Amino acid sequence: MRYRHRDRLLLIPVLLCALLGTAAPTAAASDGPQPPTSITVARLYAEAAKATERYEQGRRAAEAQRATAEELQERLSRRRHALGTLHDAIGGIAREQYRTGSPLVQAAALLLADSPEELLRARRVARQAETAVNRLLRRAKQAEQRVAVAEGKARAAWRDLDRRSAELAKIKGGIESKLETAQWQLQGEANRSAAAGACAGAVRLEQPGGVPRGLKWVTPVARYSLSAGFDSTGDHWARRHTGQDFAVGIGAPVRSVGSGRVVSVICGGGFGIEIVVQHPDGYYSQYAHLASVTVDQGEQVRAGQWIGQAGTTGNSTGPHLHFEARLTPYLGSAVDPVEWLRERGVYI
């Protein structure tokens, strides 16, 4: 197929986009402006948390249903064993009745009986025993049928819950995959801001339930694992470690430990993106290696309010929050943050 000159010119941007791995420009309208990456990460964190909760609920329900099915199976086994014993007893009685129920035996019993009343009484007792055994046999069979039906329903529900759990796990995995991609996109943006020494500005995040009221002091992150502690040594610090590290994922919400005023938002240097908050009692708290900030310098904040998102900017070897408690807003005036928080009723 031969292309006209004008058509060949139109192919150039398509080929360039293919080589660069980007989408070719089209005349169609785009999906509209995309939300900032920090908002996308926060939304995916919330979705992942909900998916995890649904998955755990399904898993617990499946385990409970499995236990019910196993209990029913054990009960059915006991009933079958009892039924087998009953069958053996009934068989013995039937054989004895067959053996003693022949005309010759009956005639002999009639001749040997002390009286006709005694023979009739014996025959009546035998018939009553047979009726009772038959009744027990019917009840045992009915019980077996009921347990079998219940067991079947339990196992069907068990399989259904396992299927649902697998579906939820797939959904959860998909959300986490999207979250991981968005996290590193956010970190890339943060790295560029930190390298340029110019913060991109606050991106407001919608905090679920709003900013909590009535709190005095909280931990700087809600869920975490503690890593490097205050005054510890390591290859990454010129002297000793000046804060407490909280191991969290990129984009995890970081909150102000107490009420106060944001005295600085800085991008660049060893701490990467950092925020310092002054508290009414004269102390300061610092939050470093962030991926984004959600407040501006000079802003008043409350305890528990989201002020940023964790990351790994600056002198950092992995995603975490570096938290400090200081006597002044400057490096070199840090006190033990664990003890400082404990004095305010917060234990980590």
C-alpha atoms as a PDB file:
ATOM      1  CA  MET A   1       0.000   0.000   0.000  1.00  0.00           C
ATOM      2  CA  ARG A   2       1.400   3.420  -0.959  1.00  0.00           C
ATOM      3  CA  TYR A   3       0.779   6.486   1.216  1.00  0.00           C
ATOM      4  CA  ARG A   4       0.436  10.006  -0.010  1.00  0.00           C
ATOM      5  CA  HIS A   5       2.883  12.550   1.302  1.00  0.00           C
ATOM      6  CA  ARG A   6       0.287  14.041   3.699  1.00  0.00           C
ATOM      7  CA  ASP A   7      -0.535  10.579   5.097  1.00  0.00           C
ATOM      8  CA  ARG A   8       3.146   9.810   5.639  1.00  0.00           C
ATOM      9  CA  LEU A   9       3.472  13.024   7.668  1.00  0.00           C
ATOM     10  CA  LEU A  10       0.522  11.975   9.852  1.00  0.00           C
ATOM     11  CA  LEU A  11       2.238   8.650  10.617  1.00  0.00           C
ATOM     12  CA  ILE A  12       5.308  10.330  12.123  1.00  0.00           C
ATOM     13  CA  PRO A  13       3.774  11.143  15.572  1.00  0.00           C
ATOM     14  CA  VAL A  14       2.245   7.669  15.723  1.00  0.00           C
ATOM     15  CA  LEU A  15       5.634   6.039  15.141  1.00  0.00           C
ATOM     16  CA  LEU A  16       7.325   8.357  17.638  1.00  0.00           C
ATOM     17  CA  CYS A  17       4.729   7.524  20.289  1.00  0.00           C
ATOM     18  CA  ALA A  18       5.206   3.822  19.621  1.00  0.00           C
ATOM     19  CA  LEU A  19       8.964   4.150  20.047  1.00  0.00           C
ATOM     20  CA  LEU A  20       8.601   6.219  23.228  1.00  0.00           C
ATOM     21  CA  GLY A  21       5.930   3.979  24.721  1.00  0.00           C
ATOM     22  CA  THR A  22       3.281   6.708  24.915  1.00  0.00           C
ATOM     23  CA  ALA A  23      -0.189   6.967  23.495  1.00  0.00           C
ATOM     24  CA  ALA A  24      -0.620   8.475  20.049  1.00  0.00           C
ATOM     25  CA  PRO A  25      -2.473  11.790  19.906  1.00  0.00           C
ATOM     26  CA  THR A  26      -6.019  11.434  18.675  1.00  0.00           C
ATOM     27  CA  ALA A  27      -8.840  13.771  17.905  1.00  0.00           C
ATOM     28  CA  ALA A  28     -11.017  12.053  20.525  1.00  0.00           C
ATOM     29  CA  ALA A  29     -11.548  13.819  23.820  1.00  0.00           C
ATOM     30  CA  SER A  30      -9.559  12.536  26.825  1.00  0.00           C
ATOM     31  CA  ASP A  31     -11.129  11.202  29.967  1.00  0.00           C
ATOM     32  CA  GLY A  32     -10.695  14.622  31.521  1.00  0.00           C
ATOM     33  CA  PRO A  33      -8.160  15.847  34.075  1.00  0.00           C
ATOM     34  CA  GLN A  34      -6.767  13.102  36.271  1.00  0.00           C
ATOM     35  CA  PRO A  35      -6.598  13.615  40.054  1.00  0.00           C
ATOM     36  CA  PRO A  36      -3.170  14.227  41.602  1.00  0.00           C
ATOM     37  CA  THR A  37      -1.221  11.052  42.256  1.00  0.00           C
ATOM     38  CA  SER A  38      -1.319  11.623  46.011  1.00  0.00           C
ATOM     39  CA  ILE A  39      -5.145  11.573  45.927  1.00  0.00           C
ATOM     40  CA  THR A  40      -5.102   8.413  43.805  1.00  0.00           C
ATOM     41  CA  VAL A  41      -2.778   6.723  46.298  1.00  0.00           C
ATOM     42  CA  ALA A  42      -4.960   7.736  49.258  1.00  0.00           C
ATOM     43  CA  ARG A  43      -8.066   6.409  47.463  1.00  0.00           C
ATOM     44  CA  LEU A  44      -6.341   3.117  46.627  1.00  0.00           C
ATOM     45  CA  TYR A  45      -5.197   2.782  50.251  1.00  0.00           C
ATOM     46  CA  ALA A  46      -8.844   3.092  51.334  1.00  0.00           C
ATOM     47  CA  GLU A  47      -9.999   0.612  48.689  1.00  0.00           C
ATOM     48  CA  ALA A  48      -7.274  -1.845  49.659  1.00  0.00           C
ATOM     49  CA  ALA A  49      -8.296  -1.582  53.314  1.00  0.00           C
ATOM     50  CA  LYS A  50     -11.955  -2.270  52.448  1.00  0.00           C
ATOM     51  CA  ALA A  51     -11.010  -5.162  50.162  1.00  0.00           C
ATOM     52  CA  THR A  52      -8.821  -6.621  52.895  1.00  0.00           C
ATOM     53  CA  GLU A  53     -11.672  -6.343  55.388  1.00  0.00           C
ATOM     54  CA  ARG A  54     -14.107  -8.069  52.998  1.00  0.00           C
ATOM     55  CA  TYR A  55     -11.532 -10.765  52.272  1.00  0.00           C
ATOM     56  CA  GLU A  56     -10.945 -11.400  55.966  1.00  0.00           C
ATOM     57  CA  GLN A  57     -14.688 -11.576  56.616  1.00  0.00           C
ATOM     58  CA  GLY A  58     -15.075 -14.119  53.831  1.00  0.00           C
ATOM     59  CA  ARG A  59     -12.118 -16.125  55.074  1.00  0.00           C
ATOM     60  CA  ARG A  60     -13.450 -16.226  58.639  1.00  0.00           C
ATOM     61  CA  ALA A  61     -16.909 -17.202  57.398  1.00  0.00           C
ATOM     62  CA  ALA A  62     -15.400 -19.981  55.273  1.00  0.00           C
ATOM     63  CA  GLU A  63     -13.439 -21.290  58.239  1.00  0.00           C
ATOM     64  CA  ALA A  64     -16.569 -21.258  60.422  1.00  0.00           C
ATOM     65  CA  GLN A  65     -18.538 -23.061  57.702  1.00  0.00           C
ATOM     66  CA  ARG A  66     -15.755 -25.590  57.329  1.00  0.00           C
ATOM     67  CA  ALA A  67     -15.831 -26.255  61.071  1.00  0.00           C
ATOM     68  CA  THR A  68     -19.612 -26.723  60.878  1.00  0.00           C
ATOM     69  CA  ALA A  69     -19.224 -29.182  58.013  1.00  0.00           C
ATOM     70  CA  GLU A  70     -16.557 -31.128  59.899  1.00  0.00           C
ATOM     71  CA  GLU A  71     -18.739 -31.239  63.022  1.00  0.00           C
ATOM     72  CA  LEU A  72     -21.673 -32.534  60.983  1.00  0.00           C
ATOM     73  CA  GLN A  73     -19.423 -35.128  59.392  1.00  0.00           C
ATOM     74  CA  GLU A  74     -18.290 -36.327  62.817  1.00  0.00           C
ATOM     75  CA  ARG A  75     -21.873 -36.438  64.047  1.00  0.00           C
ATOM     76  CA  LEU A  76     -22.892 -38.412  60.962  1.00  0.00           C
ATOM     77  CA  SER A  77     -20.047 -40.866  61.522  1.00  0.00           C
ATOM     78  CA  ARG A  78     -21.193 -41.462  65.106  1.00  0.00           C
ATOM     79  CA  ARG A  79     -24.779 -41.967  63.972  1.00  0.00           C
ATOM     80  CA  ARG A  80     -23.690 -44.411  61.283  1.00  0.00           C
ATOM     81  CA  HIS A  81     -21.677 -46.357  63.801  1.00  0.00           C
ATOM     82  CA  ALA A  82     -24.657 -46.498  66.164  1.00  0.00           C
ATOM     83  CA  LEU A  83     -26.863 -47.481  63.253  1.00  0.00           C
ATOM     84  CA  GLY A  84     -24.473 -50.292  62.329  1.00  0.00           C
ATOM     85  CA  THR A  85     -24.595 -51.589  65.883  1.00  0.00           C
ATOM     86  CA  LEU A  86     -28.375 -51.405  65.772  1.00  0.00           C
ATOM     87  CA  HIS A  87     -28.443 -53.235  62.460  1.00  0.00           C
ATOM     88  CA  ASP A  88     -26.347 -56.023  63.966  1.00  0.00           C
ATOM     89  CA  ALA A  89     -28.701 -56.291  66.924  1.00  0.00           C
ATOM     90  CA  ILE A  90     -31.761 -56.298  64.648  1.00  0.00           C
ATOM     91  CA  GLY A  91     -30.159 -58.960  62.470  1.00  0.00           C
ATOM     92  CA  GLY A  92     -29.554 -61.135  65.496  1.00  0.00           C
ATOM     93  CA  ILE A  93     -33.154 -60.728  66.622  1.00  0.00           C
ATOM     94  CA  ALA A  94     -34.423 -61.462  63.128  1.00  0.00           C
ATOM     95  CA  ARG A  95     -32.328 -64.587  62.912  1.00  0.00           C
ATOM     96  CA  GLU A  96     -33.563 -65.701  66.298  1.00  0.00           C
ATOM     97  CA  GLN A  97     -37.165 -64.995  65.283  1.00  0.00           C
ATOM     98  CA  TYR A  98     -36.677 -66.918  62.071  1.00  0.00           C
ATOM     99  CA  ARG A  99     -35.107 -69.776  64.004  1.00  0.00           C
ATOM    100  CA  THR A 100     -37.804 -69.857  66.661  1.00  0.00           C
ATOM    101  CA  GLY A 101     -40.684 -68.923  64.371  1.00  0.00           C
ATOM    102  CA  SER A 102     -40.903 -72.237  62.403  1.00  0.00           C
ATOM    103  CA  PRO A 103     -44.120 -74.303  62.765  1.00  0.00           C
ATOM    104  CA  LEU A 104     -42.224 -77.145  64.438  1.00  0.00           C
ATOM    105  CA  VAL A 105     -40.652 -74.847  67.015  1.00  0.00           C
ATOM    106  CA  GLN A 106     -43.992 -73.141  67.625  1.00  0.00           C
ATOM    107  CA  ALA A 107     -45.651 -76.518  68.126  1.00  0.00           C
ATOM    108  CA  ALA A 108     -42.906 -77.556  70.512  1.00  0.00           C
ATOM    109  CA  ALA A 109     -43.249 -74.263  72.400  1.00  0.00           C
ATOM    110  CA  LEU A 110     -46.999 -74.849  72.598  1.00  0.00           C
ATOM    111  CA  LEU A 111     -46.447 -78.347  74.013  1.00  0.00           C
ATOM    112  CA  LEU A 112     -43.784 -77.161  76.481  1.00  0.00           C
ATOM    113  CA  ALA A 113     -45.610 -74.074  77.656  1.00  0.00           C
ATOM    114  CA  ASP A 114     -47.173 -74.338  81.059  1.00  0.00           C
ATOM    115  CA  SER A 115     -50.253 -72.601  79.721  1.00  0.00           C
ATOM    116  CA  PRO A 116     -51.585 -70.992  76.538  1.00  0.00           C
ATOM    117  CA  GLU A 117     -51.510 -67.648  78.347  1.00  0.00           C
ATOM    118  CA  GLU A 118     -47.755 -67.997  78.895  1.00  0.00           C
ATOM    119  CA  LEU A 119     -47.152 -68.693  75.222  1.00  0.00           C
ATOM    120  CA  LEU A 120     -49.321 -65.776  74.095  1.00  0.00           C
ATOM    121  CA  ARG A 121     -47.557 -63.492  76.544  1.00  0.00           C
ATOM    122  CA  ALA A 122     -44.162 -64.527  75.143  1.00  0.00           C
ATOM    123  CA  ARG A 123     -45.342 -63.990  71.590  1.00  0.00           C
ATOM    124  CA  ARG A 124     -46.754 -60.554  72.522  1.00  0.00           C
ATOM    125  CA  VAL A 125     -43.471 -59.510  74.117  1.00  0.00           C
ATOM    126  CA  ALA A 126     -41.586 -60.604  70.983  1.00  0.00           C
ATOM    127  CA  ARG A 127     -43.889 -58.589  68.735  1.00  0.00           C
ATOM    128  CA  GLN A 128     -43.518 -55.517  70.947  1.00  0.00           C
ATOM    129  CA  ALA A 129     -39.741 -55.857  70.826  1.00  0.00           C
ATOM    130  CA  GLU A 130     -39.826 -56.166  67.060  1.00  0.00           C
ATOM    131  CA  THR A 131     -42.061 -53.066  66.767  1.00  0.00           C
ATOM    132  CA  ALA A 132     -39.718 -51.092  69.017  1.00  0.00           C
ATOM    133  CA  VAL A 133     -36.677 -52.153  67.006  1.00  0.00           C
ATOM    134  CA  ASN A 134     -38.372 -51.230  63.723  1.00  0.00           C
ATOM    135  CA  ARG A 135     -39.290 -47.828  65.152  1.00  0.00           C
ATOM    136  CA  LEU A 136     -35.673 -47.241  66.220  1.00  0.00           C
ATOM    137  CA  LEU A 137     -34.508 -48.298  62.790  1.00  0.00           C
ATOM    138  CA  ARG A 138     -36.826 -45.796  61.070  1.00  0.00           C
ATOM    139  CA  ARG A 139     -35.745 -42.992  63.415  1.00  0.00           C
ATOM    140  CA  ALA A 140     -32.081 -43.798  62.786  1.00  0.00           C
ATOM    141  CA  LYS A 141     -32.593 -43.697  59.035  1.00  0.00           C
ATOM    142  CA  GLN A 142     -34.471 -40.398  59.250  1.00  0.00           C
ATOM    143  CA  ALA A 143     -31.720 -38.930  61.413  1.00  0.00           C
ATOM    144  CA  GLU A 144     -29.110 -40.113  58.925  1.00  0.00           C
ATOM    145  CA  GLN A 145     -31.001 -38.472  56.076  1.00  0.00           C
ATOM    146  CA  ARG A 146     -31.323 -35.186  57.979  1.00  0.00           C
ATOM    147  CA  VAL A 147     -27.635 -35.100  58.858  1.00  0.00           C
ATOM    148  CA  ALA A 148     -26.670 -35.975  55.286  1.00  0.00           C
ATOM    149  CA  VAL A 149     -28.818 -33.124  53.940  1.00  0.00           C
ATOM    150  CA  ALA A 150     -27.374 -30.673  56.475  1.00  0.00           C
ATOM    151  CA  GLU A 151     -23.871 -31.858  55.662  1.00  0.00           C
ATOM    152  CA  GLY A 152     -24.493 -31.355  51.951  1.00  0.00           C
ATOM    153  CA  LYS A 153     -25.765 -27.815  52.534  1.00  0.00           C
ATOM    154  CA  ALA A 154     -22.808 -26.995  54.754  1.00  0.00           C
ATOM    155  CA  ARG A 155     -20.325 -28.271  52.206  1.00  0.00           C
ATOM    156  CA  ALA A 156     -22.070 -26.357  49.405  1.00  0.00           C
ATOM    157  CA  ALA A 157     -21.920 -23.175  51.489  1.00  0.00           C
ATOM    158  CA  TRP A 158     -18.291 -23.933  52.306  1.00  0.00           C
ATOM    159  CA  ARG A 159     -17.416 -24.234  48.602  1.00  0.00           C
ATOM    160  CA  ASP A 160     -19.334 -21.030  47.862  1.00  0.00           C
ATOM    161  CA  LEU A 161     -17.450 -19.144  50.571  1.00  0.00           C
ATOM    162  CA  ASP A 162     -14.134 -20.474  49.325  1.00  0.00           C
ATOM    163  CA  ARG A 163     -15.033 -19.298  45.824  1.00  0.00           C
ATOM    164  CA  ARG A 164     -16.006 -15.878  47.131  1.00  0.00           C
ATOM    165  CA  SER A 165     -12.786 -15.678  49.152  1.00  0.00           C
ATOM    166  CA  ALA A 166     -10.785 -16.468  46.022  1.00  0.00           C
ATOM    167  CA  GLU A 167     -12.629 -13.727  44.108  1.00  0.00           C
ATOM    168  CA  LEU A 168     -12.039 -11.241  46.929  1.00  0.00           C
ATOM    169  CA  ALA A 169      -8.365 -12.182  47.043  1.00  0.00           C
ATOM    170  CA  LYS A 170      -8.149 -11.508  43.293  1.00  0.00           C
ATOM    171  CA  ILE A 171      -9.833  -8.108  43.708  1.00  0.00           C
ATOM    172  CA  LYS A 172      -7.555  -7.291  46.639  1.00  0.00           C
ATOM    173  CA  GLY A 173      -4.494  -8.280  44.608  1.00  0.00           C
ATOM    174  CA  GLY A 174      -5.602  -6.071  41.717  1.00  0.00           C
ATOM    175  CA  ILE A 175      -6.055  -3.067  43.986  1.00  0.00           C
ATOM    176  CA  GLU A 176      -2.682  -3.649  45.623  1.00  0.00           C
ATOM    177  CA  SER A 177      -1.030  -3.892  42.197  1.00  0.00           C
ATOM    178  CA  LYS A 178      -2.573  -0.550  41.186  1.00  0.00           C
ATOM    179  CA  LEU A 179      -1.547   0.908  44.549  1.00  0.00           C
ATOM    180  CA  GLU A 180       2.055  -0.172  44.100  1.00  0.00           C
ATOM    181  CA  THR A 181       2.197   1.434  40.657  1.00  0.00           C
ATOM    182  CA  ALA A 182       0.661   4.672  41.964  1.00  0.00           C
ATOM    183  CA  GLN A 183       2.966   4.664  44.993  1.00  0.00           C
ATOM    184  CA  TRP A 184       6.115   4.698  42.888  1.00  0.00           C
ATOM    185  CA  GLN A 185       4.628   7.287  40.555  1.00  0.00           C
ATOM    186  CA  LEU A 186       4.034   9.467  43.618  1.00  0.00           C
ATOM    187  CA  GLN A 187       7.568   8.792  44.828  1.00  0.00           C
ATOM    188  CA  GLY A 188       8.974   9.765  41.433  1.00  0.00           C
ATOM    189  CA  GLU A 189       7.158  13.098  41.610  1.00  0.00           C
ATOM    190  CA  ALA A 190       8.425  13.596  45.164  1.00  0.00           C
ATOM    191  CA  ASN A 191      12.005  12.820  44.146  1.00  0.00           C
ATOM    192  CA  ARG A 192      11.851  15.438  41.412  1.00  0.00           C
ATOM    193  CA  SER A 193      10.526  18.035  43.868  1.00  0.00           C
ATOM    194  CA  ALA A 194      13.195  17.172  46.436  1.00  0.00           C
ATOM    195  CA  ALA A 195      15.961  17.287  43.804  1.00  0.00           C
ATOM    196  CA  ALA A 196      14.747  20.683  42.606  1.00  0.00           C
ATOM    197  CA  GLY A 197      14.400  21.940  46.172  1.00  0.00           C
ATOM    198  CA  ALA A 198      10.933  23.232  45.363  1.00  0.00           C
ATOM    199  CA  CYS A 199       7.829  21.715  46.931  1.00  0.00           C
ATOM    200  CA  ALA A 200       4.917  21.099  44.589  1.00  0.00           C
ATOM    201  CA  GLY A 201       2.487  22.582  47.097  1.00  0.00           C
ATOM    202  CA  ALA A 202      -0.139  21.091  49.334  1.00  0.00           C
ATOM    203  CA  VAL A 203      -2.569  18.578  47.865  1.00  0.00           C
ATOM    204  CA  ARG A 204      -5.610  18.321  50.105  1.00  0.00           C
ATOM    205  CA  LEU A 205      -6.687  14.798  50.978  1.00  0.00           C
ATOM    206  CA  GLU A 206     -10.178  13.941  52.134  1.00  0.00           C
ATOM    207  CA  GLN A 207      -9.700  12.381  55.550  1.00  0.00           C
ATOM    208  CA  PRO A 208     -12.312   9.645  56.208  1.00  0.00           C
ATOM    209  CA  GLY A 209     -14.695  10.883  58.873  1.00  0.00           C
ATOM    210  CA  GLY A 210     -13.034  14.280  58.832  1.00  0.00           C
ATOM    211  CA  VAL A 211     -10.314  15.484  61.185  1.00  0.00           C
ATOM    212  CA  PRO A 212     -10.935  13.882  64.594  1.00  0.00           C
ATOM    213  CA  ARG A 213     -11.947  16.183  67.413  1.00  0.00           C
ATOM    214  CA  GLY A 214     -11.150  15.980  71.094  1.00  0.00           C
ATOM    215  CA  LEU A 215      -7.761  14.287  70.645  1.00  0.00           C
ATOM    216  CA  LYS A 216      -4.726  15.714  72.388  1.00  0.00           C
ATOM    217  CA  TRP A 217      -1.887  13.486  71.200  1.00  0.00           C
ATOM    218  CA  VAL A 218      -1.647  10.558  68.750  1.00  0.00           C
ATOM    219  CA  THR A 219       1.001   8.480  66.995  1.00  0.00           C
ATOM    220  CA  PRO A 220       2.264  10.054  63.738  1.00  0.00           C
ATOM    221  CA  VAL A 221       0.945   7.096  61.688  1.00  0.00           C
ATOM    222  CA  ALA A 222      -1.960   4.778  62.459  1.00  0.00           C
ATOM    223  CA  ARG A 223      -0.401   1.411  61.478  1.00  0.00           C
ATOM    224  CA  TYR A 224       3.326   0.830  61.488  1.00  0.00           C
ATOM    225  CA  SER A 225       6.330  -1.229  62.461  1.00  0.00           C
ATOM    226  CA  LEU A 226       9.129   0.445  64.395  1.00  0.00           C
ATOM    227  CA  SER A 227      12.556   0.435  62.772  1.00  0.00           C
ATOM    228  CA  ALA A 228      15.556   2.621  63.683  1.00  0.00           C
ATOM    229  CA  GLY A 229      15.241   4.205  67.105  1.00  0.00           C
ATOM    230  CA  PHE A 230      16.508   7.363  68.709  1.00  0.00           C
ATOM    231  CA  ASP A 231      20.267   7.650  69.314  1.00  0.00           C
ATOM    232  CA  SER A 232      21.009   4.450  67.395  1.00  0.00           C
ATOM    233  CA  THR A 233      24.040   4.180  65.115  1.00  0.00           C
ATOM    234  CA  GLY A 234      24.211   3.323  61.428  1.00  0.00           C
ATOM    235  CA  ASP A 235      26.024   3.884  58.162  1.00  0.00           C
ATOM    236  CA  HIS A 236      23.443   6.400  56.935  1.00  0.00           C
ATOM    237  CA  TRP A 237      23.851   8.987  59.727  1.00  0.00           C
ATOM    238  CA  ALA A 238      26.822  11.274  60.226  1.00  0.00           C
ATOM    239  CA  ARG A 239      26.441  10.921  63.986  1.00  0.00           C
ATOM    240  CA  ARG A 240      23.584   9.186  65.781  1.00  0.00           C
ATOM    241  CA  HIS A 241      20.002   8.763  64.680  1.00  0.00           C
ATOM    242  CA  THR A 242      18.003  11.788  65.798  1.00  0.00           C
ATOM    243  CA  GLY A 243      14.466  10.385  65.683  1.00  0.00           C
ATOM    244  CA  GLN A 244      12.230   7.343  65.588  1.00  0.00           C
ATOM    245  CA  ASP A 245      11.536   5.625  62.268  1.00  0.00           C
ATOM    246  CA  PHE A 246       8.129   4.143  61.486  1.00  0.00           C
ATOM    247  CA  ALA A 247       8.156   1.608  58.659  1.00  0.00           C
ATOM    248  CA  VAL A 248       5.108   2.287  56.467  1.00  0.00           C
ATOM    249  CA  GLY A 249       4.295   2.163  52.768  1.00  0.00           C
ATOM    250  CA  ILE A 250       4.675   5.011  50.314  1.00  0.00           C
ATOM    251  CA  GLY A 251       1.610   7.210  50.484  1.00  0.00           C
ATOM    252  CA  ALA A 252       0.549   6.110  53.976  1.00  0.00           C
ATOM    253  CA  PRO A 253      -1.165   9.071  55.698  1.00  0.00           C
ATOM    254  CA  VAL A 254       1.035  10.957  58.160  1.00  0.00           C
ATOM    255  CA  ARG A 255      -0.760  12.895  60.868  1.00  0.00           C
ATOM    256  CA  SER A 256       0.213  15.639  63.264  1.00  0.00           C
ATOM    257  CA  VAL A 257       0.853  14.149  66.703  1.00  0.00           C
ATOM    258  CA  GLY A 258      -0.749  17.166  68.366  1.00  0.00           C
ATOM    259  CA  SER A 259      -2.343  20.497  67.611  1.00  0.00           C
ATOM    260  CA  GLY A 260      -0.100  23.313  66.492  1.00  0.00           C
ATOM    261  CA  ARG A 261       1.107  25.444  63.606  1.00  0.00           C
ATOM    262  CA  VAL A 262       3.102  24.351  60.558  1.00  0.00           C
ATOM    263  CA  VAL A 263       6.304  26.396  60.786  1.00  0.00           C
ATOM    264  CA  SER A 264       8.067  24.939  57.741  1.00  0.00           C
ATOM    265  CA  VAL A 265       7.546  22.774  54.671  1.00  0.00           C
ATOM    266  CA  ILE A 266      10.913  22.004  53.070  1.00  0.00           C
ATOM    267  CA  CYS A 267      11.906  20.000  49.984  1.00  0.00           C
ATOM    268  CA  GLY A 268      15.508  18.918  49.503  1.00  0.00           C
ATOM    269  CA  GLY A 269      18.457  17.901  51.661  1.00  0.00           C
ATOM    270  CA  GLY A 270      18.964  14.761  53.686  1.00  0.00           C
ATOM    271  CA  PHE A 271      15.399  14.713  54.984  1.00  0.00           C
ATOM    272  CA  GLY A 272      13.879  15.025  51.511  1.00  0.00           C
ATOM    273  CA  ILE A 273      10.400  16.476  51.916  1.00  0.00           C
ATOM    274  CA  GLU A 274       9.797  17.415  55.552  1.00  0.00           C
ATOM    275  CA  ILE A 275       7.277  19.244  57.729  1.00  0.00           C
ATOM    276  CA  VAL A 276       7.892  20.841  61.125  1.00  0.00           C
ATOM    277  CA  VAL A 277       4.982  21.643  63.467  1.00  0.00           C
ATOM    278  CA  GLN A 278       5.194  23.892  66.534  1.00  0.00           C
ATOM    279  CA  HIS A 279       3.027  22.810  69.466  1.00  0.00           C
ATOM    280  CA  PRO A 280       1.493  25.043  72.170  1.00  0.00           C
ATOM    281  CA  ASP A 281       3.820  23.663  74.864  1.00  0.00           C
ATOM    282  CA  GLY A 282       6.843  25.037  72.986  1.00  0.00           C
ATOM    283  CA  TYR A 283       8.081  21.769  71.513  1.00  0.00           C
ATOM    284  CA  TYR A 284       8.291  20.949  67.804  1.00  0.00           C
ATOM    285  CA  SER A 285       7.638  17.763  65.848  1.00  0.00           C
ATOM    286  CA  GLN A 286       9.291  16.907  62.537  1.00  0.00           C
ATOM    287  CA  TYR A 287       8.045  14.515  59.810  1.00  0.00           C
ATOM    288  CA  ALA A 288      10.634  13.618  57.161  1.00  0.00           C
ATOM    289  CA  HIS A 289      11.223  11.602  53.944  1.00  0.00           C
ATOM    290  CA  LEU A 290       7.649  12.380  52.846  1.00  0.00           C
ATOM    291  CA  ALA A 291       6.191  11.741  49.390  1.00  0.00           C
ATOM    292  CA  SER A 292       3.705  14.623  49.539  1.00  0.00           C
ATOM    293  CA  VAL A 293       2.375  17.326  51.833  1.00  0.00           C
ATOM    294  CA  THR A 294      -1.264  18.215  52.481  1.00  0.00           C
ATOM    295  CA  VAL A 295      -0.736  21.432  54.465  1.00  0.00           C
ATOM    296  CA  ASP A 296       0.919  24.766  53.853  1.00  0.00           C
ATOM    297  CA  GLN A 297       3.400  26.678  55.956  1.00  0.00           C
ATOM    298  CA  GLY A 298       1.659  28.785  58.625  1.00  0.00           C
ATOM    299  CA  GLU A 299      -1.424  26.564  58.709  1.00  0.00           C
ATOM    300  CA  GLN A 300      -3.009  25.556  62.008  1.00  0.00           C
ATOM    301  CA  VAL A 301      -3.453  21.808  62.443  1.00  0.00           C
ATOM    302  CA  ARG A 302      -5.216  19.564  64.967  1.00  0.00           C
ATOM    303  CA  ALA A 303      -4.073  16.335  66.582  1.00  0.00           C
ATOM    304  CA  GLY A 304      -4.694  13.462  64.183  1.00  0.00           C
ATOM    305  CA  GLN A 305      -4.995  15.688  61.110  1.00  0.00           C
ATOM    306  CA  TRP A 306      -3.349  14.372  57.943  1.00  0.00           C
ATOM    307  CA  ILE A 307      -0.427  16.602  57.048  1.00  0.00           C
ATOM    308  CA  GLY A 308       1.368  14.476  54.458  1.00  0.00           C
ATOM    309  CA  GLN A 309       2.077  11.060  53.017  1.00  0.00           C
ATOM    310  CA  ALA A 310       5.033   8.853  53.852  1.00  0.00           C
ATOM    311  CA  GLY A 311       7.713   8.169  51.271  1.00  0.00           C
ATOM    312  CA  THR A 312      11.422   7.660  50.854  1.00  0.00           C
ATOM    313  CA  THR A 313      12.829  11.029  49.734  1.00  0.00           C
ATOM    314  CA  GLY A 314      16.233  12.308  50.781  1.00  0.00           C
ATOM    315  CA  ASN A 315      18.727  10.129  52.637  1.00  0.00           C
ATOM    316  CA  SER A 316      16.427   7.110  52.867  1.00  0.00           C
ATOM    317  CA  THR A 317      16.917   3.468  51.961  1.00  0.00           C
ATOM    318  CA  GLY A 318      13.241   2.507  51.980  1.00  0.00           C
ATOM    319  CA  PRO A 319       9.722   3.805  52.624  1.00  0.00           C
ATOM    320  CA  HIS A 320       9.315   5.049  56.190  1.00  0.00           C
ATOM    321  CA  LEU A 321       8.479   8.080  58.295  1.00  0.00           C
ATOM    322  CA  HIS A 322      11.307   9.710  60.232  1.00  0.00           C
ATOM    323  CA  PHE A 323       9.742  11.413  63.261  1.00  0.00           C
ATOM    324  CA  GLU A 324      11.482  13.778  65.660  1.00  0.00           C
ATOM    325  CA  ALA A 325      10.513  15.709  68.778  1.00  0.00           C
ATOM    326  CA  ARG A 326      12.583  18.888  69.126  1.00  0.00           C
ATOM    327  CA  LEU A 327      13.225  21.777  71.500  1.00  0.00           C
ATOM    328  CA  THR A 328      13.609  24.104  68.495  1.00  0.00           C
ATOM    329  CA  PRO A 329      12.551  23.823  64.861  1.00  0.00           C
ATOM    330  CA  TYR A 330      16.125  23.000  63.866  1.00  0.00           C
ATOM    331  CA  LEU A 331      18.174  19.826  63.555  1.00  0.00           C
ATOM    332  CA  GLY A 332      20.357  19.174  66.589  1.00  0.00           C
ATOM    333  CA  SER A 333      17.733  19.890  69.245  1.00  0.00           C
ATOM    334  CA  ALA A 334      15.969  16.495  69.168  1.00  0.00           C
ATOM    335  CA  VAL A 335      14.900  14.638  72.303  1.00  0.00           C
ATOM    336  CA  ASP A 336      13.899  10.978  72.587  1.00  0.00           C
ATOM    337  CA  PRO A 337      10.548  10.926  70.733  1.00  0.00           C
ATOM    338  CA  VAL A 338       9.366   7.710  72.386  1.00  0.00           C
ATOM    339  CA  GLU A 339       9.782   9.197  75.855  1.00  0.00           C
ATOM    340  CA  TRP A 340       8.356  12.519  74.642  1.00  0.00           C
ATOM    341  CA  LEU A 341       5.199  10.825  73.350  1.00  0.00           C
ATOM    342  CA  ARG A 342       4.910   8.649  76.456  1.00  0.00           C
ATOM    343  CA  GLU A 343       4.860  11.765  78.643  1.00  0.00           C
ATOM    344  CA  ARG A 344       1.820  12.820  76.602  1.00  0.00           C
ATOM    345  CA  GLY A 345       0.028   9.511  77.020  1.00  0.00           C
ATOM    346  CA  VAL A 346       1.004   7.961  73.670  1.00  0.00           C
ATOM    347  CA  TYR A 347       2.786   4.591  73.785  1.00  0.00           C
ATOM    348  CA  ILE A 348       4.467   3.077  70.730  1.00  0.00           C
END
